[in-house]
Amino acid sequence: MTISVPQDGRLRLLSYRGAGGDPRIGAALADGSVLDIADAASAAGIKPGFDPSSMISLIESGSAGLDAIRKLAASGGQNGLTIAEKQFLPPIPRLTKNIYCVGWNYVEHFQEGAEFRADPNLKLPEHPVFFSKGVNSLNGPFDPVPYDTNVSNRVDWEVELAVVIGKKGRNISEAGAMGHVFGYTVLNDTSAREVQQKKHGGQWFKGKSLDGHAPMGPWIVPAGDLDPSNLRLLCRINGEVRQDGSTRQMYFKVPRIIAELSLGLTLEPGDVIATGTPPGVGFAMKPPQYLKPGDIMESEIEEIGAIRNTIAAV
C-alpha cells in the first residue's frame, strides 16, 4: 500500500522505527519523503529545543518546537527518506495514560444503538460521557489488530477524531480550551461488543481496552494547521464504506469536551482524547456485521490522513 501525503501544505508529524529499532520523529513532506528531524537538525547545525527521538518532548516544546521543524522542512534539508508502512509507529509510541474517550457524541450513533441499551428511551446526556481505553490498546496505523475468539467474536469498528493535548491544565475554560490542543490524529476505537454490552456485565472499559484495539495515526496535524469543526470521517471494511460522517455532527464539540474532562482532572501534554464516532457501526446493522480475520479496516479523516489495519487471528 502506498502512503500518500496530501498536497495541502499542512505539517504532518509521525513516529517511526529507525534502523536501530529506536523511535524517531519525522515530518511527512508533500513529495512523499520524510524529513528525519534529528538528522536534519544535525545537518543544519541547530538544536531544535526538544528531544528529536520523542514525540512527547516535541509536544511539550509547543510552538517553538513546531517553528523549528517548519524551518527545517522549508530549508529542503535531509528529505530523501521514504518510509515503508511497516516502519510506522503510533504518533505517540508509548502513552503515559489511558486514552480518554467520549461516548454517544454523535446523535445518529446514539440513536442507532438505542434498542441495545437496557433503557431504549434513554435521552442524550447533558454532559459528555467519558470512559477510557487502556494504554496497551494502542496500536500502529498499519499494524494488525489482534482477534482472539477466546475473548470476542463480535469485534466492531469506530472511526474517531483524536485530540492530542499540548498544554497542561486543570479546570480549563471552554473559551480557553483550544489553546491546550497540540494537534489531531485518526483513531479507531475498535470494540469487543459482547464484552462491552452483556457478556461481562456491560463493561465499557474492558470491551474497549483489548490489546491492539486502538490503531492510531498515521501522523499528527498541528492544531494551527487544521479546523476540527467540519472534517469528514470514513471507515471502510474491505473497501466498502461503513461509516461516513462529519465532525460537525458532534453533540459536544472539542472545547466543551476538554472543559468538562479537565474539571478537577489535570490534562497533560501527550494525553489523547477520542471524541466519538458517527453512525454506521457493525452491531447496529440489520443483520449485525462484525470484523473477522483477514478483513481490512481503513479509517480516514479527510485533511488528516488514513490508517489501514488487517484483522489478524491470534
Foldseek 3Di string as FASTA:
>chain_A
DQFADDPDPFWWKFWFQDPVRAIFIWTQDNVQWTHGVVVLCVVVVHDLQFDRRALLRLLQVPPSNVVSVVVSVVVPGPTPHHDDLVGTAFRHNFAPFFAKEWEPFFVVQLLLCLVLDPHSPDDDDPATDIDTAGRQLETALAEAAEDEVVVAPFKKKFKFKKWFFRAKDALDALVCQLVRTFFIWIKIQIFRPCCCRPPVHNNRHVRRHDGNRIHIDSTTGGPVRDDQQWKWKFKDKQNHTQATDTNVSTNDHPSRNRNVVRHVNMDHGGHMYTYGGYDRMQVSDVPGDHDDAQIKMKIDIPPGGIGIYGHHYD
